[in-house]
Amino acid sequence: MWKEFKQFALRGNVIELAIAVIIGTAFSKIVDSLVNDILAPVLGLLAGGTSLKFLVINIDGTVIRYGAFLQSTIDFLIIAFSIYIFIKIF
């Protein structure tokens, strides 16, 4: 059983996948910083000087945090576009 596991673990695809996960994690930190530290403040200024995360609607005591949803959607689009550009480069 150990021999089979060693063969599996040392195959090229598994090692490539491990490297891709590590690089993806590091790339994620870069994109998170881009979104949180650069783009989100600019979008907040355009939205009236507040962070999009804090935009809410209060209906009969129920708080709907639509700003957090908008911020998550923008984050996703930026991350997806960044990954697309990164893949096109390679």
N, C-alpha and C. Protein backbone atom coordinates (compact mmCIF):
# COMPACT_ATOMS: atom_id res chain seq x y z
N MET A 1 0.82 -1.19 0.00
CA MET A 1 0.00 0.00 0.00
C MET A 1 0.87 1.26 0.00
N TRP A 2 1.93 1.27 0.79
CA TRP A 2 2.83 2.42 0.84
C TRP A 2 3.48 2.66 -0.52
N LYS A 3 3.85 1.58 -1.18
CA LYS A 3 4.49 1.68 -2.49
C LYS A 3 3.53 2.31 -3.51
N GLU A 4 2.28 1.88 -3.48
CA GLU A 4 1.29 2.44 -4.39
C GLU A 4 1.05 3.93 -4.11
N PHE A 5 0.99 4.29 -2.82
CA PHE A 5 0.80 5.68 -2.47
C PHE A 5 2.00 6.52 -2.93
N LYS A 6 3.19 6.00 -2.75
CA LYS A 6 4.39 6.71 -3.17
C LYS A 6 4.39 6.93 -4.68
N GLN A 7 3.98 5.91 -5.44
CA GLN A 7 3.88 6.05 -6.89
C GLN A 7 2.86 7.13 -7.26
N PHE A 8 1.73 7.11 -6.58
CA PHE A 8 0.69 8.09 -6.84
C PHE A 8 1.16 9.50 -6.51
N ALA A 9 1.76 9.66 -5.35
CA ALA A 9 2.16 10.99 -4.87
C ALA A 9 3.28 11.58 -5.72
N LEU A 10 4.11 10.76 -6.30
CA LEU A 10 5.25 11.26 -7.06
C LEU A 10 4.98 11.34 -8.56
N ARG A 11 3.76 11.06 -8.96
CA ARG A 11 3.42 11.24 -10.38
C ARG A 11 3.45 12.71 -10.71
N GLY A 12 3.69 13.02 -11.95
CA GLY A 12 3.80 14.41 -12.38
C GLY A 12 2.56 15.24 -12.12
N ASN A 13 1.38 14.68 -12.35
CA ASN A 13 0.15 15.46 -12.21
C ASN A 13 -0.07 15.92 -10.78
N VAL A 14 0.24 15.09 -9.82
CA VAL A 14 0.03 15.45 -8.42
C VAL A 14 0.98 16.56 -8.01
N ILE A 15 2.23 16.47 -8.43
CA ILE A 15 3.21 17.50 -8.10
C ILE A 15 2.84 18.81 -8.77
N GLU A 16 2.42 18.75 -10.03
CA GLU A 16 2.00 19.96 -10.74
C GLU A 16 0.79 20.59 -10.06
N LEU A 17 -0.14 19.77 -9.61
CA LEU A 17 -1.31 20.28 -8.91
C LEU A 17 -0.91 20.97 -7.60
N ALA A 18 0.02 20.38 -6.88
CA ALA A 18 0.48 20.98 -5.62
C ALA A 18 1.13 22.33 -5.89
N ILE A 19 1.94 22.42 -6.92
CA ILE A 19 2.58 23.68 -7.27
C ILE A 19 1.53 24.71 -7.68
N ALA A 20 0.53 24.29 -8.44
CA ALA A 20 -0.53 25.20 -8.87
C ALA A 20 -1.32 25.75 -7.67
N VAL A 21 -1.56 24.92 -6.68
CA VAL A 21 -2.28 25.37 -5.48
C VAL A 21 -1.46 26.41 -4.73
N ILE A 22 -0.16 26.17 -4.60
CA ILE A 22 0.71 27.11 -3.89
C ILE A 22 0.78 28.45 -4.64
N ILE A 23 0.96 28.39 -5.95
CA ILE A 23 1.01 29.62 -6.74
C ILE A 23 -0.34 30.32 -6.71
N GLY A 24 -1.43 29.56 -6.78
CA GLY A 24 -2.77 30.14 -6.71
C GLY A 24 -3.02 30.85 -5.40
N THR A 25 -2.54 30.29 -4.32
CA THR A 25 -2.69 30.92 -3.01
C THR A 25 -1.93 32.24 -2.95
N ALA A 26 -0.71 32.24 -3.46
CA ALA A 26 0.08 33.47 -3.47
C ALA A 26 -0.56 34.51 -4.38
N PHE A 27 -1.05 34.08 -5.53
CA PHE A 27 -1.70 35.00 -6.47
C PHE A 27 -2.98 35.57 -5.86
N SER A 28 -3.68 34.75 -5.10
CA SER A 28 -4.90 35.20 -4.43
C SER A 28 -4.61 36.34 -3.47
N LYS A 29 -3.49 36.28 -2.76
CA LYS A 29 -3.11 37.36 -1.83
C LYS A 29 -2.86 38.66 -2.58
N ILE A 30 -2.24 38.57 -3.74
CA ILE A 30 -1.97 39.75 -4.55
C ILE A 30 -3.28 40.38 -5.02
N VAL A 31 -4.18 39.55 -5.53
CA VAL A 31 -5.46 40.06 -6.03
C VAL A 31 -6.30 40.60 -4.89
N ASP A 32 -6.30 39.94 -3.73
CA ASP A 32 -7.03 40.45 -2.56
C ASP A 32 -6.53 41.83 -2.17
N SER A 33 -5.23 42.02 -2.18
CA SER A 33 -4.67 43.33 -1.86
C SER A 33 -5.08 44.36 -2.90
N LEU A 34 -5.04 43.99 -4.16
CA LEU A 34 -5.47 44.90 -5.22
C LEU A 34 -6.91 45.35 -4.99
N VAL A 35 -7.77 44.40 -4.70
CA VAL A 35 -9.19 44.71 -4.50
C VAL A 35 -9.40 45.52 -3.22
N ASN A 36 -8.88 45.04 -2.11
CA ASN A 36 -9.16 45.66 -0.81
C ASN A 36 -8.43 46.98 -0.58
N ASP A 37 -7.22 47.10 -1.09
CA ASP A 37 -6.41 48.26 -0.78
C ASP A 37 -6.41 49.34 -1.85
N ILE A 38 -6.77 48.97 -3.08
CA ILE A 38 -6.73 49.95 -4.16
C ILE A 38 -8.11 50.19 -4.77
N LEU A 39 -8.75 49.14 -5.24
CA LEU A 39 -10.00 49.32 -5.97
C LEU A 39 -11.20 49.60 -5.07
N ALA A 40 -11.31 48.92 -3.95
CA ALA A 40 -12.47 49.12 -3.06
C ALA A 40 -12.55 50.55 -2.54
N PRO A 41 -11.44 51.18 -2.12
CA PRO A 41 -11.55 52.58 -1.69
C PRO A 41 -11.99 53.52 -2.82
N VAL A 42 -11.51 53.27 -4.03
CA VAL A 42 -11.92 54.11 -5.17
C VAL A 42 -13.40 53.93 -5.44
N LEU A 43 -13.87 52.69 -5.45
CA LEU A 43 -15.30 52.44 -5.66
C LEU A 43 -16.12 53.03 -4.52
N GLY A 44 -15.60 53.00 -3.32
CA GLY A 44 -16.28 53.61 -2.18
C GLY A 44 -16.43 55.11 -2.35
N LEU A 45 -15.39 55.74 -2.86
CA LEU A 45 -15.47 57.18 -3.12
C LEU A 45 -16.53 57.48 -4.18
N LEU A 46 -16.58 56.66 -5.20
CA LEU A 46 -17.59 56.84 -6.25
C LEU A 46 -19.00 56.58 -5.73
N ALA A 47 -19.11 55.77 -4.68
CA ALA A 47 -20.42 55.44 -4.11
C ALA A 47 -20.84 56.42 -3.03
N GLY A 48 -20.15 57.52 -2.92
CA GLY A 48 -20.56 58.53 -1.95
C GLY A 48 -19.67 58.62 -0.73
N GLY A 49 -18.46 58.13 -0.82
CA GLY A 49 -17.52 58.28 0.27
C GLY A 49 -17.58 57.20 1.33
N THR A 50 -18.27 56.12 1.06
CA THR A 50 -18.34 55.02 2.02
C THR A 50 -17.92 53.74 1.33
N SER A 51 -17.54 52.79 2.11
CA SER A 51 -17.21 51.48 1.56
C SER A 51 -18.49 50.81 1.10
N LEU A 52 -18.41 50.11 0.00
CA LEU A 52 -19.59 49.41 -0.50
C LEU A 52 -20.10 48.39 0.51
N LYS A 53 -19.22 47.84 1.32
CA LYS A 53 -19.62 46.82 2.30
C LYS A 53 -20.65 47.34 3.29
N PHE A 54 -20.64 48.63 3.52
CA PHE A 54 -21.50 49.19 4.56
C PHE A 54 -22.83 49.72 4.03
N LEU A 55 -23.11 49.54 2.75
CA LEU A 55 -24.39 49.96 2.20
C LEU A 55 -25.46 48.94 2.60
N VAL A 56 -26.50 49.41 3.26
CA VAL A 56 -27.56 48.52 3.75
C VAL A 56 -28.93 49.14 3.52
N ILE A 57 -29.92 48.29 3.52
CA ILE A 57 -31.32 48.71 3.54
C ILE A 57 -31.93 48.10 4.79
N ASN A 58 -32.64 48.92 5.56
CA ASN A 58 -33.26 48.44 6.78
C ASN A 58 -34.78 48.44 6.57
N ILE A 59 -35.37 47.25 6.54
CA ILE A 59 -36.81 47.11 6.33
C ILE A 59 -37.40 46.41 7.55
N ASP A 60 -38.17 47.15 8.34
CA ASP A 60 -38.83 46.61 9.53
C ASP A 60 -37.87 45.86 10.45
N GLY A 61 -36.69 46.41 10.66
CA GLY A 61 -35.73 45.80 11.55
C GLY A 61 -34.85 44.73 10.90
N THR A 62 -35.15 44.39 9.66
CA THR A 62 -34.33 43.42 8.92
C THR A 62 -33.31 44.18 8.09
N VAL A 63 -32.06 43.86 8.29
CA VAL A 63 -30.99 44.56 7.58
C VAL A 63 -30.59 43.74 6.35
N ILE A 64 -30.69 44.37 5.20
CA ILE A 64 -30.26 43.74 3.95
C ILE A 64 -28.96 44.40 3.54
N ARG A 65 -27.89 43.63 3.57
CA ARG A 65 -26.55 44.16 3.29
C ARG A 65 -26.22 43.99 1.81
N TYR A 66 -26.86 44.79 0.98
CA TYR A 66 -26.63 44.67 -0.46
C TYR A 66 -25.24 45.15 -0.85
N GLY A 67 -24.64 46.01 -0.06
CA GLY A 67 -23.29 46.48 -0.35
C GLY A 67 -22.26 45.37 -0.25
N ALA A 68 -22.43 44.49 0.74
CA ALA A 68 -21.50 43.35 0.86
C ALA A 68 -21.63 42.44 -0.34
N PHE A 69 -22.86 42.27 -0.83
CA PHE A 69 -23.06 41.46 -2.03
C PHE A 69 -22.40 42.11 -3.25
N LEU A 70 -22.59 43.42 -3.39
CA LEU A 70 -21.96 44.13 -4.51
C LEU A 70 -20.44 44.02 -4.44
N GLN A 71 -19.89 44.18 -3.24
CA GLN A 71 -18.43 44.08 -3.08
C GLN A 71 -17.93 42.69 -3.43
N SER A 72 -18.65 41.66 -2.99
CA SER A 72 -18.25 40.28 -3.32
C SER A 72 -18.33 40.03 -4.81
N THR A 73 -19.35 40.57 -5.47
CA THR A 73 -19.49 40.41 -6.91
C THR A 73 -18.35 41.10 -7.65
N ILE A 74 -18.03 42.31 -7.23
CA ILE A 74 -16.91 43.03 -7.85
C ILE A 74 -15.60 42.30 -7.60
N ASP A 75 -15.41 41.80 -6.39
CA ASP A 75 -14.21 41.01 -6.07
C ASP A 75 -14.08 39.82 -7.01
N PHE A 76 -15.19 39.10 -7.19
CA PHE A 76 -15.17 37.92 -8.07
C PHE A 76 -14.79 38.31 -9.49
N LEU A 77 -15.40 39.37 -10.01
CA LEU A 77 -15.11 39.78 -11.38
C LEU A 77 -13.65 40.18 -11.55
N ILE A 78 -13.11 40.89 -10.58
CA ILE A 78 -11.71 41.29 -10.66
C ILE A 78 -10.79 40.08 -10.58
N ILE A 79 -11.09 39.15 -9.68
CA ILE A 79 -10.28 37.94 -9.55
C ILE A 79 -10.36 37.11 -10.82
N ALA A 80 -11.56 36.93 -11.36
CA ALA A 80 -11.73 36.14 -12.58
C ALA A 80 -10.97 36.79 -13.74
N PHE A 81 -11.07 38.11 -13.87
CA PHE A 81 -10.36 38.80 -14.94
C PHE A 81 -8.85 38.71 -14.75
N SER A 82 -8.38 38.83 -13.51
CA SER A 82 -6.95 38.72 -13.24
C SER A 82 -6.42 37.34 -13.59
N ILE A 83 -7.16 36.32 -13.25
CA ILE A 83 -6.74 34.95 -13.59
C ILE A 83 -6.74 34.77 -15.10
N TYR A 84 -7.75 35.32 -15.78
CA TYR A 84 -7.81 35.25 -17.24
C TYR A 84 -6.57 35.88 -17.86
N ILE A 85 -6.22 37.08 -17.40
CA ILE A 85 -5.02 37.76 -17.92
C ILE A 85 -3.77 36.96 -17.62
N PHE A 86 -3.67 36.43 -16.41
CA PHE A 86 -2.50 35.65 -16.00
C PHE A 86 -2.34 34.41 -16.90
N ILE A 87 -3.44 33.74 -17.18
CA ILE A 87 -3.39 32.54 -18.04
C ILE A 87 -3.06 32.92 -19.47
N LYS A 88 -3.60 34.03 -19.97
CA LYS A 88 -3.31 34.47 -21.34
C LYS A 88 -1.83 34.79 -21.51
N ILE A 89 -1.19 35.32 -20.46
CA ILE A 89 0.23 35.63 -20.54
C ILE A 89 1.04 34.36 -20.76
N PHE A 90 0.66 33.30 -20.07
CA PHE A 90 1.38 32.04 -20.21
C PHE A 90 0.86 31.27 -21.40
